[in-house]
PDB file of all heavy atoms in Angstrom:
ATOM      1  N   ASP A   1      30.630 219.239 221.124  1.00  0.00           N
ATOM      2  CA  ASP A   1      31.222 220.186 220.174  1.00  0.00           C
ATOM      3  C   ASP A   1      30.751 219.901 218.757  1.00  0.00           C
ATOM      4  O   ASP A   1      30.052 218.917 218.497  1.00  0.00           O
ATOM      5  CB  ASP A   1      32.748 220.127 220.245  1.00  0.00           C
ATOM      6  CG  ASP A   1      33.303 220.774 221.496  1.00  0.00           C
ATOM      7  OD1 ASP A   1      32.532 221.454 222.218  1.00  0.00           O
ATOM      8  OD2 ASP A   1      34.510 220.610 221.766  1.00  0.00           O
ATOM      9  N   SER A   2      31.192 220.752 217.843  1.00  0.00           N
ATOM     10  CA  SER A   2      30.837 220.621 216.429  1.00  0.00           C
ATOM     11  C   SER A   2      32.090 220.557 215.562  1.00  0.00           C
ATOM     12  O   SER A   2      33.142 221.089 215.936  1.00  0.00           O
ATOM     13  CB  SER A   2      29.983 221.810 215.978  1.00  0.00           C
ATOM     14  OG  SER A   2      28.771 221.869 216.696  1.00  0.00           O
ATOM     15  N   LEU A   3      31.949 219.924 214.421  1.00  0.00           N
ATOM     16  CA  LEU A   3      32.984 219.905 213.389  1.00  0.00           C
ATOM     17  C   LEU A   3      32.307 219.963 212.035  1.00  0.00           C
ATOM     18  O   LEU A   3      31.162 219.510 211.884  1.00  0.00           O
ATOM     19  CB  LEU A   3      33.831 218.627 213.458  1.00  0.00           C
ATOM     20  CG  LEU A   3      34.957 218.524 214.475  1.00  0.00           C
ATOM     21  CD1 LEU A   3      35.566 217.137 214.420  1.00  0.00           C
ATOM     22  CD2 LEU A   3      36.014 219.580 214.237  1.00  0.00           C
ATOM     23  N   ARG A   4      33.026 220.483 211.071  1.00  0.00           N
ATOM     24  CA  ARG A   4      32.527 220.517 209.698  1.00  0.00           C
ATOM     25  C   ARG A   4      33.559 219.842 208.806  1.00  0.00           C
ATOM     26  O   ARG A   4      34.693 220.325 208.690  1.00  0.00           O
ATOM     27  CB  ARG A   4      32.289 221.931 209.225  1.00  0.00           C
ATOM     28  CG  ARG A   4      31.617 222.022 207.855  1.00  0.00           C
ATOM     29  CD  ARG A   4      31.514 223.453 207.414  1.00  0.00           C
ATOM     30  NE  ARG A   4      30.638 223.621 206.257  1.00  0.00           N
ATOM     31  CZ  ARG A   4      30.917 224.410 205.231  1.00  0.00           C
ATOM     32  NH1 ARG A   4      32.054 225.088 205.219  1.00  0.00           N
ATOM     33  NH2 ARG A   4      30.068 224.531 204.233  1.00  0.00           N
ATOM     34  N   LEU A   5      33.151 218.738 208.211  1.00  0.00           N
ATOM     35  CA  LEU A   5      34.015 218.036 207.271  1.00  0.00           C
ATOM     36  C   LEU A   5      33.764 218.557 205.857  1.00  0.00           C
ATOM     37  O   LEU A   5      32.617 218.847 205.492  1.00  0.00           O
ATOM     38  CB  LEU A   5      33.753 216.540 207.320  1.00  0.00           C
ATOM     39  CG  LEU A   5      33.900 215.857 208.678  1.00  0.00           C
ATOM     40  CD1 LEU A   5      33.685 214.359 208.529  1.00  0.00           C
ATOM     41  CD2 LEU A   5      35.229 216.153 209.315  1.00  0.00           C
ATOM     42  N   SER A   6      34.838 218.639 205.094  1.00  0.00           N
ATOM     43  CA  SER A   6      34.735 219.080 203.703  1.00  0.00           C
ATOM     44  C   SER A   6      35.335 218.019 202.798  1.00  0.00           C
ATOM     45  O   SER A   6      36.253 217.296 203.191  1.00  0.00           O
ATOM     46  CB  SER A   6      35.487 220.399 203.502  1.00  0.00           C
ATOM     47  OG  SER A   6      34.947 221.411 204.308  1.00  0.00           O
ATOM     48  N   CYS A   7      34.811 217.955 201.601  1.00  0.00           N
ATOM     49  CA  CYS A   7      35.333 217.026 200.598  1.00  0.00           C
ATOM     50  C   CYS A   7      35.305 217.731 199.258  1.00  0.00           C
ATOM     51  O   CYS A   7      34.255 218.229 198.836  1.00  0.00           O
ATOM     52  CB  CYS A   7      34.493 215.757 200.547  1.00  0.00           C
ATOM     53  SG  CYS A   7      34.950 214.605 199.235  1.00  0.00           S
ATOM     54  N   VAL A   8      36.452 217.769 198.620  1.00  0.00           N
ATOM     55  CA  VAL A   8      36.557 218.387 197.306  1.00  0.00           C
ATOM     56  C   VAL A   8      36.847 217.304 196.281  1.00  0.00           C
ATOM     57  O   VAL A   8      37.755 216.493 196.471  1.00  0.00           O
ATOM     58  CB  VAL A   8      37.661 219.458 197.278  1.00  0.00           C
ATOM     59  CG1 VAL A   8      37.782 220.054 195.890  1.00  0.00           C
ATOM     60  CG2 VAL A   8      37.359 220.545 198.297  1.00  0.00           C
ATOM     61  N   ALA A   9      36.069 217.312 195.213  1.00  0.00           N
ATOM     62  CA  ALA A   9      36.217 216.315 194.157  1.00  0.00           C
ATOM     63  C   ALA A   9      36.857 216.948 192.930  1.00  0.00           C
ATOM     64  O   ALA A   9      36.580 218.100 192.596  1.00  0.00           O
ATOM     65  CB  ALA A   9      34.862 215.729 193.804  1.00  0.00           C
ATOM     66  N   SER A  10      37.686 216.180 192.255  1.00  0.00           N
ATOM     67  CA  SER A  10      38.268 216.634 190.999  1.00  0.00           C
ATOM     68  C   SER A  10      38.207 215.493 189.996  1.00  0.00           C
ATOM     69  O   SER A  10      38.043 214.332 190.375  1.00  0.00           O
ATOM     70  CB  SER A  10      39.722 217.081 191.198  1.00  0.00           C
ATOM     71  OG  SER A  10      40.511 216.005 191.676  1.00  0.00           O
ATOM     72  N   GLY A  11      38.276 215.865 188.714  1.00  0.00           N
ATOM     73  CA  GLY A  11      38.266 214.859 187.665  1.00  0.00           C
ATOM     74  C   GLY A  11      36.897 214.317 187.331  1.00  0.00           C
ATOM     75  O   GLY A  11      36.757 213.213 186.822  1.00  0.00           O
ATOM     76  N   ARG A  12      35.830 215.105 187.591  1.00  0.00           N
ATOM     77  CA  ARG A  12      34.481 214.582 187.415  1.00  0.00           C
ATOM     78  C   ARG A  12      33.721 215.259 186.274  1.00  0.00           C
ATOM     79  O   ARG A  12      32.522 215.317 186.272  1.00  0.00           O
ATOM     80  CB  ARG A  12      33.685 214.725 188.702  1.00  0.00           C
ATOM     81  CG  ARG A  12      33.714 216.112 189.300  1.00  0.00           C
ATOM     82  CD  ARG A  12      33.060 216.145 190.666  1.00  0.00           C
ATOM     83  NE  ARG A  12      31.619 216.196 190.576  1.00  0.00           N
ATOM     84  CZ  ARG A  12      30.822 216.181 191.630  1.00  0.00           C
ATOM     85  NH1 ARG A  12      31.323 216.084 192.838  1.00  0.00           N
ATOM     86  NH2 ARG A  12      29.512 216.217 191.492  1.00  0.00           N
ATOM     87  N   ALA A  13      34.446 215.767 185.297  1.00  0.00           N
ATOM     88  CA  ALA A  13      33.799 216.479 184.209  1.00  0.00           C
ATOM     89  C   ALA A  13      32.867 215.566 183.418  1.00  0.00           C
ATOM     90  O   ALA A  13      33.152 214.397 183.203  1.00  0.00           O
ATOM     91  CB  ALA A  13      34.862 217.074 183.280  1.00  0.00           C
ATOM     92  N   PHE A  14      31.722 216.114 183.027  1.00  0.00           N
ATOM     93  CA  PHE A  14      30.769 215.465 182.141  1.00  0.00           C
ATOM     94  C   PHE A  14      30.086 214.244 182.757  1.00  0.00           C
ATOM     95  O   PHE A  14      29.454 213.464 182.042  1.00  0.00           O
ATOM     96  CB  PHE A  14      31.435 215.066 180.817  1.00  0.00           C
ATOM     97  CG  PHE A  14      32.190 216.176 180.173  1.00  0.00           C
ATOM     98  CD1 PHE A  14      33.558 216.080 179.978  1.00  0.00           C
ATOM     99  CD2 PHE A  14      31.561 217.343 179.808  1.00  0.00           C
ATOM    100  CE1 PHE A  14      34.266 217.107 179.383  1.00  0.00           C
ATOM    101  CE2 PHE A  14      32.252 218.376 179.211  1.00  0.00           C
ATOM    102  CZ  PHE A  14      33.611 218.265 178.999  1.00  0.00           C
ATOM    103  N   ARG A  15      30.210 214.064 184.048  1.00  0.00           N
ATOM    104  CA  ARG A  15      29.503 212.977 184.720  1.00  0.00           C
ATOM    105  C   ARG A  15      28.737 213.573 185.892  1.00  0.00           C
ATOM    106  O   ARG A  15      28.995 214.696 186.328  1.00  0.00           O
ATOM    107  CB  ARG A  15      30.476 211.910 185.232  1.00  0.00           C
ATOM    108  CG  ARG A  15      31.454 211.372 184.211  1.00  0.00           C
ATOM    109  CD  ARG A  15      30.781 210.574 183.130  1.00  0.00           C
ATOM    110  NE  ARG A  15      30.197 209.336 183.611  1.00  0.00           N
ATOM    111  CZ  ARG A  15      29.577 208.457 182.814  1.00  0.00           C
ATOM    112  NH1 ARG A  15      29.436 208.716 181.530  1.00  0.00           N
ATOM    113  NH2 ARG A  15      29.085 207.337 183.320  1.00  0.00           N
ATOM    114  N   ARG A  16      27.777 212.796 186.381  1.00  0.00           N
ATOM    115  CA  ARG A  16      27.004 213.231 187.543  1.00  0.00           C
ATOM    116  C   ARG A  16      27.274 212.264 188.690  1.00  0.00           C
ATOM    117  O   ARG A  16      27.253 211.045 188.485  1.00  0.00           O
ATOM    118  CB  ARG A  16      25.514 213.284 187.214  1.00  0.00           C
ATOM    119  CG  ARG A  16      25.184 214.180 186.026  1.00  0.00           C
ATOM    120  CD  ARG A  16      23.720 214.494 185.926  1.00  0.00           C
ATOM    121  NE  ARG A  16      22.885 213.309 185.856  1.00  0.00           N
ATOM    122  CZ  ARG A  16      21.569 213.352 185.662  1.00  0.00           C
ATOM    123  NH1 ARG A  16      20.967 214.514 185.550  1.00  0.00           N
ATOM    124  NH2 ARG A  16      20.874 212.240 185.614  1.00  0.00           N
ATOM    125  N   TYR A  17      27.491 212.830 189.852  1.00  0.00           N
ATOM    126  CA  TYR A  17      27.850 212.000 191.003  1.00  0.00           C
ATOM    127  C   TYR A  17      26.976 212.346 192.199  1.00  0.00           C
ATOM    128  O   TYR A  17      26.789 213.516 192.526  1.00  0.00           O
ATOM    129  CB  TYR A  17      29.316 212.199 191.384  1.00  0.00           C
ATOM    130  CG  TYR A  17      30.283 211.709 190.341  1.00  0.00           C
ATOM    131  CD1 TYR A  17      30.716 212.563 189.334  1.00  0.00           C
ATOM    132  CD2 TYR A  17      30.729 210.397 190.346  1.00  0.00           C
ATOM    133  CE1 TYR A  17      31.588 212.109 188.358  1.00  0.00           C
ATOM    134  CE2 TYR A  17      31.606 209.940 189.372  1.00  0.00           C
ATOM    135  CZ  TYR A  17      32.017 210.806 188.375  1.00  0.00           C
ATOM    136  OH  TYR A  17      32.876 210.343 187.404  1.00  0.00           O
ATOM    137  N   ALA A  18      26.466 211.313 192.834  1.00  0.00           N
ATOM    138  CA  ALA A  18      25.909 211.473 194.169  1.00  0.00           C
ATOM    139  C   ALA A  18      27.074 211.323 195.146  1.00  0.00           C
ATOM    140  O   ALA A  18      28.035 210.601 194.879  1.00  0.00           O
ATOM    141  CB  ALA A  18      24.847 210.416 194.441  1.00  0.00           C
ATOM    142  N   MET A  19      26.989 212.012 196.260  1.00  0.00           N
ATOM    143  CA  MET A  19      28.082 212.023 197.231  1.00  0.00           C
ATOM    144  C   MET A  19      27.610 211.486 198.565  1.00  0.00           C
ATOM    145  O   MET A  19      26.441 211.687 198.949  1.00  0.00           O
ATOM    146  CB  MET A  19      28.607 213.452 197.408  1.00  0.00           C
ATOM    147  CG  MET A  19      29.050 214.112 196.124  1.00  0.00           C
ATOM    148  SD  MET A  19      30.449 213.303 195.348  1.00  0.00           S
ATOM    149  CE  MET A  19      31.729 213.667 196.557  1.00  0.00           C
ATOM    150  N   GLY A  20      28.519 210.833 199.262  1.00  0.00           N
ATOM    151  CA  GLY A  20      28.157 210.301 200.566  1.00  0.00           C
ATOM    152  C   GLY A  20      29.304 210.390 201.545  1.00  0.00           C
ATOM    153  O   GLY A  20      30.456 210.626 201.170  1.00  0.00           O
ATOM    154  N   TRP A  21      28.952 210.222 202.812  1.00  0.00           N
ATOM    155  CA  TRP A  21      29.935 210.118 203.889  1.00  0.00           C
ATOM    156  C   TRP A  21      29.745 208.778 204.577  1.00  0.00           C
ATOM    157  O   TRP A  21      28.622 208.379 204.885  1.00  0.00           O
ATOM    158  CB  TRP A  21      29.756 211.249 204.903  1.00  0.00           C
ATOM    159  CG  TRP A  21      30.177 212.592 204.408  1.00  0.00           C
ATOM    160  CD1 TRP A  21      29.388 213.554 203.848  1.00  0.00           C
ATOM    161  CD2 TRP A  21      31.503 213.131 204.416  1.00  0.00           C
ATOM    162  NE1 TRP A  21      30.137 214.648 203.512  1.00  0.00           N
ATOM    163  CE2 TRP A  21      31.438 214.415 203.853  1.00  0.00           C
ATOM    164  CE3 TRP A  21      32.745 212.658 204.843  1.00  0.00           C
ATOM    165  CZ2 TRP A  21      32.555 215.232 203.713  1.00  0.00           C
ATOM    166  CZ3 TRP A  21      33.858 213.464 204.704  1.00  0.00           C
ATOM    167  CH2 TRP A  21      33.763 214.732 204.149  1.00  0.00           C
ATOM    168  N   PHE A  22      30.859 208.120 204.813  1.00  0.00           N
ATOM    169  CA  PHE A  22      30.887 206.867 205.560  1.00  0.00           C
ATOM    170  C   PHE A  22      31.875 207.028 206.703  1.00  0.00           C
ATOM    171  O   PHE A  22      32.678 207.963 206.697  1.00  0.00           O
ATOM    172  CB  PHE A  22      31.326 205.709 204.647  1.00  0.00           C
ATOM    173  CG  PHE A  22      30.329 205.377 203.564  1.00  0.00           C
ATOM    174  CD1 PHE A  22      30.153 206.206 202.465  1.00  0.00           C
ATOM    175  CD2 PHE A  22      29.565 204.220 203.643  1.00  0.00           C
ATOM    176  CE1 PHE A  22      29.236 205.905 201.469  1.00  0.00           C
ATOM    177  CE2 PHE A  22      28.647 203.902 202.648  1.00  0.00           C
ATOM    178  CZ  PHE A  22      28.488 204.747 201.564  1.00  0.00           C
ATOM    179  N   ARG A  23      31.813 206.128 207.664  1.00  0.00           N
ATOM    180  CA  ARG A  23      32.785 206.183 208.764  1.00  0.00           C
ATOM    181  C   ARG A  23      33.141 204.777 209.220  1.00  0.00           C
ATOM    182  O   ARG A  23      32.353 203.840 209.059  1.00  0.00           O
ATOM    183  CB  ARG A  23      32.251 207.002 209.925  1.00  0.00           C
ATOM    184  CG  ARG A  23      31.052 206.399 210.641  1.00  0.00           C
ATOM    185  CD  ARG A  23      30.512 207.361 211.704  1.00  0.00           C
ATOM    186  NE  ARG A  23      29.363 206.814 212.412  1.00  0.00           N
ATOM    187  CZ  ARG A  23      28.640 207.489 213.291  1.00  0.00           C
ATOM    188  NH1 ARG A  23      28.969 208.764 213.592  1.00  0.00           N
ATOM    189  NH2 ARG A  23      27.614 206.925 213.896  1.00  0.00           N
ATOM    190  N   GLN A  24      34.325 204.673 209.786  1.00  0.00           N
ATOM    191  CA  GLN A  24      34.774 203.405 210.335  1.00  0.00           C
ATOM    192  C   GLN A  24      35.380 203.660 211.704  1.00  0.00           C
ATOM    193  O   GLN A  24      36.440 204.289 211.808  1.00  0.00           O
ATOM    194  CB  GLN A  24      35.782 202.719 209.412  1.00  0.00           C
ATOM    195  CG  GLN A  24      36.159 201.325 209.874  1.00  0.00           C
ATOM    196  CD  GLN A  24      36.908 200.541 208.825  1.00  0.00           C
ATOM    197  OE1 GLN A  24      37.432 201.097 207.851  1.00  0.00           O
ATOM    198  NE2 GLN A  24      36.966 199.221 208.991  1.00  0.00           N
ATOM    199  N   GLY A  25      34.679 203.210 212.728  1.00  0.00           N
ATOM    200  CA  GLY A  25      35.147 203.355 214.091  1.00  0.00           C
ATOM    201  C   GLY A  25      36.129 202.265 214.462  1.00  0.00           C
ATOM    202  O   GLY A  25      36.267 201.270 213.741  1.00  0.00           O
ATOM    203  N   PRO A  26      36.813 202.419 215.603  1.00  0.00           N
ATOM    204  CA  PRO A  26      37.788 201.422 216.048  1.00  0.00           C
ATOM    205  C   PRO A  26      37.151 200.047 216.194  1.00  0.00           C
ATOM    206  O   PRO A  26      36.158 199.884 216.899  1.00  0.00           O
ATOM    207  CB  PRO A  26      38.237 201.969 217.407  1.00  0.00           C
ATOM    208  CG  PRO A  26      37.912 203.423 217.375  1.00  0.00           C
ATOM    209  CD  PRO A  26      36.696 203.553 216.519  1.00  0.00           C
ATOM    210  N   GLY A  27      37.699 199.065 215.488  1.00  0.00           N
ATOM    211  CA  GLY A  27      37.202 197.705 215.585  1.00  0.00           C
ATOM    212  C   GLY A  27      35.854 197.470 214.943  1.00  0.00           C
ATOM    213  O   GLY A  27      35.214 196.437 215.174  1.00  0.00           O
TER     214      GLY A  27
END
């Protein structure tokens, strides 16, 4: 199957940000 994750950022005015996704599996 498929899923689409979304991430909304706030409070980032006047700066530049690279974005990433990380994950932590069981154990």
